Amino acid sequence: MGLKSRTCIGKATGKALTEYASQEEAQEGADYASSNYGRHMDPYKCDKCKQWHIAPESRRTPSNKCPKCVGTDGVAKDAYRSESEAKRRANILRKEQGADLKVYACEHGNGWHLTKKKKSRR
């Protein structure tokens, strides 16, 4: 089945994620977690390692890379399908990383993005 990742670490647990070679294998892992531990998990393909992982259903906020918008790091921004999904991701990142984010509509109509809130000057 899956092996522990050498590159991907769970943000909530700080432990290596399990890597799966295919979506079907990841779905089997998710089904196993559900039937044996009562944990509802969803498979997803990782942008970083290109393998499949599973994440708690409550944490998943599907996104695509925006074909037009890039962040200050030069990497394509994540685009969320709806404002509510983008807000959900912002809340998850606030809880896990203390990130202070705001949600805004993509100016090119490709969904919703997150950006760091600017600190107010006093």
C-alpha atoms as a PDB file:
ATOM      1  CA  MET A   1       0.000   0.000   0.000  1.00  0.00           C
ATOM      2  CA  GLY A   2       1.423   3.436   0.880  1.00  0.00           C
ATOM      3  CA  LEU A   3       4.872   4.475   2.040  1.00  0.00           C
ATOM      4  CA  LYS A   4       5.766   7.411   4.258  1.00  0.00           C
ATOM      5  CA  SER A   5       6.761  10.506   2.317  1.00  0.00           C
ATOM      6  CA  ARG A   6      10.268  11.940   2.451  1.00  0.00           C
ATOM      7  CA  THR A   7       9.033  15.348   1.281  1.00  0.00           C
ATOM      8  CA  CYS A   8       5.480  15.937   2.522  1.00  0.00           C
ATOM      9  CA  ILE A   9       4.640  16.602   6.161  1.00  0.00           C
ATOM     10  CA  GLY A  10       1.138  16.952   7.577  1.00  0.00           C
ATOM     11  CA  LYS A  11       0.495  20.543   8.661  1.00  0.00           C
ATOM     12  CA  ALA A  12      -1.789  19.483  11.494  1.00  0.00           C
ATOM     13  CA  THR A  13       0.311  16.560  12.788  1.00  0.00           C
ATOM     14  CA  GLY A  14       3.874  17.413  11.761  1.00  0.00           C
ATOM     15  CA  LYS A  15       4.330  13.775  10.665  1.00  0.00           C
ATOM     16  CA  ALA A  16       5.262  12.398   7.248  1.00  0.00           C
ATOM     17  CA  LEU A  17       2.241  11.846   5.024  1.00  0.00           C
ATOM     18  CA  THR A  18       1.544   8.488   3.444  1.00  0.00           C
ATOM     19  CA  GLU A  19       2.149   8.447  -0.317  1.00  0.00           C
ATOM     20  CA  TYR A  20      -0.028   6.403  -2.644  1.00  0.00           C
ATOM     21  CA  ALA A  21       0.882   5.620  -6.266  1.00  0.00           C
ATOM     22  CA  SER A  22      -2.635   6.112  -7.648  1.00  0.00           C
ATOM     23  CA  GLN A  23      -5.995   7.635  -6.864  1.00  0.00           C
ATOM     24  CA  GLU A  24      -7.453   4.138  -6.489  1.00  0.00           C
ATOM     25  CA  GLU A  25      -4.798   3.192  -3.926  1.00  0.00           C
ATOM     26  CA  ALA A  26      -5.382   6.438  -2.011  1.00  0.00           C
ATOM     27  CA  GLN A  27      -9.130   5.771  -2.034  1.00  0.00           C
ATOM     28  CA  GLU A  28      -8.455   2.335  -0.536  1.00  0.00           C
ATOM     29  CA  GLY A  29      -6.453   4.049   2.221  1.00  0.00           C
ATOM     30  CA  ALA A  30      -9.297   6.500   2.813  1.00  0.00           C
ATOM     31  CA  ASP A  31     -11.839   3.664   2.953  1.00  0.00           C
ATOM     32  CA  TYR A  32      -9.623   1.770   5.418  1.00  0.00           C
ATOM     33  CA  ALA A  33      -9.359   4.822   7.701  1.00  0.00           C
ATOM     34  CA  SER A  34     -13.126   5.240   7.579  1.00  0.00           C
ATOM     35  CA  SER A  35     -14.022   1.613   8.315  1.00  0.00           C
ATOM     36  CA  ASN A  36     -11.331   0.996  10.952  1.00  0.00           C
ATOM     37  CA  TYR A  37     -11.038   4.383  12.669  1.00  0.00           C
ATOM     38  CA  GLY A  38     -14.219   6.263  11.764  1.00  0.00           C
ATOM     39  CA  ARG A  39     -12.137   8.983  10.079  1.00  0.00           C
ATOM     40  CA  HIS A  40     -13.623  10.375   6.871  1.00  0.00           C
ATOM     41  CA  MET A  41     -10.738  11.013   4.478  1.00  0.00           C
ATOM     42  CA  ASP A  42     -10.474  12.234   0.876  1.00  0.00           C
ATOM     43  CA  PRO A  43      -7.691  11.399  -1.599  1.00  0.00           C
ATOM     44  CA  TYR A  44      -5.865  14.227  -3.390  1.00  0.00           C
ATOM     45  CA  LYS A  45      -2.928  14.540  -5.772  1.00  0.00           C
ATOM     46  CA  CYS A  46      -0.090  16.522  -4.212  1.00  0.00           C
ATOM     47  CA  ASP A  47       1.357  19.460  -6.175  1.00  0.00           C
ATOM     48  CA  LYS A  48       4.670  19.071  -4.354  1.00  0.00           C
ATOM     49  CA  CYS A  49       5.536  15.369  -4.753  1.00  0.00           C
ATOM     50  CA  LYS A  50       3.041  14.431  -7.493  1.00  0.00           C
ATOM     51  CA  GLN A  51       1.929  11.407  -5.428  1.00  0.00           C
ATOM     52  CA  TRP A  52      -1.478  10.831  -3.837  1.00  0.00           C
ATOM     53  CA  HIS A  53      -2.210  11.501  -0.152  1.00  0.00           C
ATOM     54  CA  ILE A  54      -5.353  11.469   1.953  1.00  0.00           C
ATOM     55  CA  ALA A  55      -6.627  14.289   4.140  1.00  0.00           C
ATOM     56  CA  PRO A  56      -9.508  14.633   6.575  1.00  0.00           C
ATOM     57  CA  GLU A  57     -12.682  15.443   4.677  1.00  0.00           C
ATOM     58  CA  SER A  58     -13.189  18.485   6.923  1.00  0.00           C
ATOM     59  CA  ARG A  59      -9.826  19.936   5.790  1.00  0.00           C
ATOM     60  CA  ARG A  60     -10.204  19.515   2.057  1.00  0.00           C
ATOM     61  CA  THR A  61     -10.800  22.612   0.004  1.00  0.00           C
ATOM     62  CA  PRO A  62     -10.281  21.721  -3.659  1.00  0.00           C
ATOM     63  CA  SER A  63      -8.416  24.268  -5.735  1.00  0.00           C
ATOM     64  CA  ASN A  64      -6.728  24.615  -9.110  1.00  0.00           C
ATOM     65  CA  LYS A  65      -3.748  26.704 -10.127  1.00  0.00           C
ATOM     66  CA  CYS A  66      -4.894  29.998 -11.647  1.00  0.00           C
ATOM     67  CA  PRO A  67      -3.652  30.319 -15.251  1.00  0.00           C
ATOM     68  CA  LYS A  68      -3.219  34.100 -14.874  1.00  0.00           C
ATOM     69  CA  CYS A  69      -2.391  35.059 -11.264  1.00  0.00           C
ATOM     70  CA  VAL A  70       0.898  34.520  -9.438  1.00  0.00           C
ATOM     71  CA  GLY A  71       1.938  35.288  -5.883  1.00  0.00           C
ATOM     72  CA  THR A  72       4.921  37.375  -4.812  1.00  0.00           C
ATOM     73  CA  ASP A  73       6.957  34.155  -4.970  1.00  0.00           C
ATOM     74  CA  GLY A  74       6.224  33.834  -8.700  1.00  0.00           C
ATOM     75  CA  VAL A  75       4.168  30.644  -8.214  1.00  0.00           C
ATOM     76  CA  ALA A  76       0.658  30.347  -9.670  1.00  0.00           C
ATOM     77  CA  LYS A  77      -1.998  31.208  -7.076  1.00  0.00           C
ATOM     78  CA  ASP A  78      -4.518  28.634  -5.917  1.00  0.00           C
ATOM     79  CA  ALA A  79      -8.005  29.361  -7.236  1.00  0.00           C
ATOM     80  CA  TYR A  80     -10.988  28.159  -5.191  1.00  0.00           C
ATOM     81  CA  ARG A  81     -14.363  27.484  -6.817  1.00  0.00           C
ATOM     82  CA  SER A  82     -16.357  29.674  -4.452  1.00  0.00           C
ATOM     83  CA  GLU A  83     -15.935  32.407  -1.890  1.00  0.00           C
ATOM     84  CA  SER A  84     -17.091  30.032   0.857  1.00  0.00           C
ATOM     85  CA  GLU A  85     -14.430  27.427  -0.078  1.00  0.00           C
ATOM     86  CA  ALA A  86     -11.741  30.128  -0.083  1.00  0.00           C
ATOM     87  CA  LYS A  87     -12.930  31.364   3.332  1.00  0.00           C
ATOM     88  CA  ARG A  88     -12.858  27.794   4.623  1.00  0.00           C
ATOM     89  CA  ARG A  89      -9.209  27.430   3.485  1.00  0.00           C
ATOM     90  CA  ALA A  90      -8.338  30.799   5.077  1.00  0.00           C
ATOM     91  CA  ASN A  91      -9.856  29.645   8.381  1.00  0.00           C
ATOM     92  CA  ILE A  92      -7.939  26.346   8.252  1.00  0.00           C
ATOM     93  CA  LEU A  93      -4.652  28.197   7.630  1.00  0.00           C
ATOM     94  CA  ARG A  94      -5.433  30.659  10.427  1.00  0.00           C
ATOM     95  CA  LYS A  95      -5.950  27.792  12.900  1.00  0.00           C
ATOM     96  CA  GLU A  96      -2.937  25.752  11.753  1.00  0.00           C
ATOM     97  CA  GLN A  97      -0.406  28.464  10.938  1.00  0.00           C
ATOM     98  CA  GLY A  98      -1.744  31.687  12.434  1.00  0.00           C
ATOM     99  CA  ALA A  99      -2.002  33.147   8.916  1.00  0.00           C
ATOM    100  CA  ASP A 100      -4.012  36.357   8.621  1.00  0.00           C
ATOM    101  CA  LEU A 101      -5.601  36.043   5.175  1.00  0.00           C
ATOM    102  CA  LYS A 102      -8.334  37.713   3.206  1.00  0.00           C
ATOM    103  CA  VAL A 103     -10.372  36.340   0.319  1.00  0.00           C
ATOM    104  CA  TYR A 104     -10.890  38.125  -2.996  1.00  0.00           C
ATOM    105  CA  ALA A 105     -12.363  37.354  -6.409  1.00  0.00           C
ATOM    106  CA  CYS A 106      -9.862  36.677  -9.200  1.00  0.00           C
ATOM    107  CA  GLU A 107      -9.796  39.680 -11.531  1.00  0.00           C
ATOM    108  CA  HIS A 108      -9.693  37.253 -14.473  1.00  0.00           C
ATOM    109  CA  GLY A 109     -12.789  35.330 -13.374  1.00  0.00           C
ATOM    110  CA  ASN A 110     -10.896  32.178 -12.360  1.00  0.00           C
ATOM    111  CA  GLY A 111     -12.452  31.757  -8.922  1.00  0.00           C
ATOM    112  CA  TRP A 112     -11.340  33.104  -5.553  1.00  0.00           C
ATOM    113  CA  HIS A 113      -7.851  33.709  -4.151  1.00  0.00           C
ATOM    114  CA  LEU A 114      -6.271  34.286  -0.749  1.00  0.00           C
ATOM    115  CA  THR A 115      -3.838  37.030   0.124  1.00  0.00           C
ATOM    116  CA  LYS A 116      -2.107  38.137   3.284  1.00  0.00           C
ATOM    117  CA  LYS A 117      -3.791  41.045   4.989  1.00  0.00           C
ATOM    118  CA  LYS A 118      -1.681  44.155   4.994  1.00  0.00           C
ATOM    119  CA  LYS A 119      -0.619  45.269   8.437  1.00  0.00           C
ATOM    120  CA  SER A 120      -1.989  48.640   9.359  1.00  0.00           C
ATOM    121  CA  ARG A 121       0.511  51.375  10.126  1.00  0.00           C
ATOM    122  CA  ARG A 122       0.122  53.249  13.355  1.00  0.00           C
END
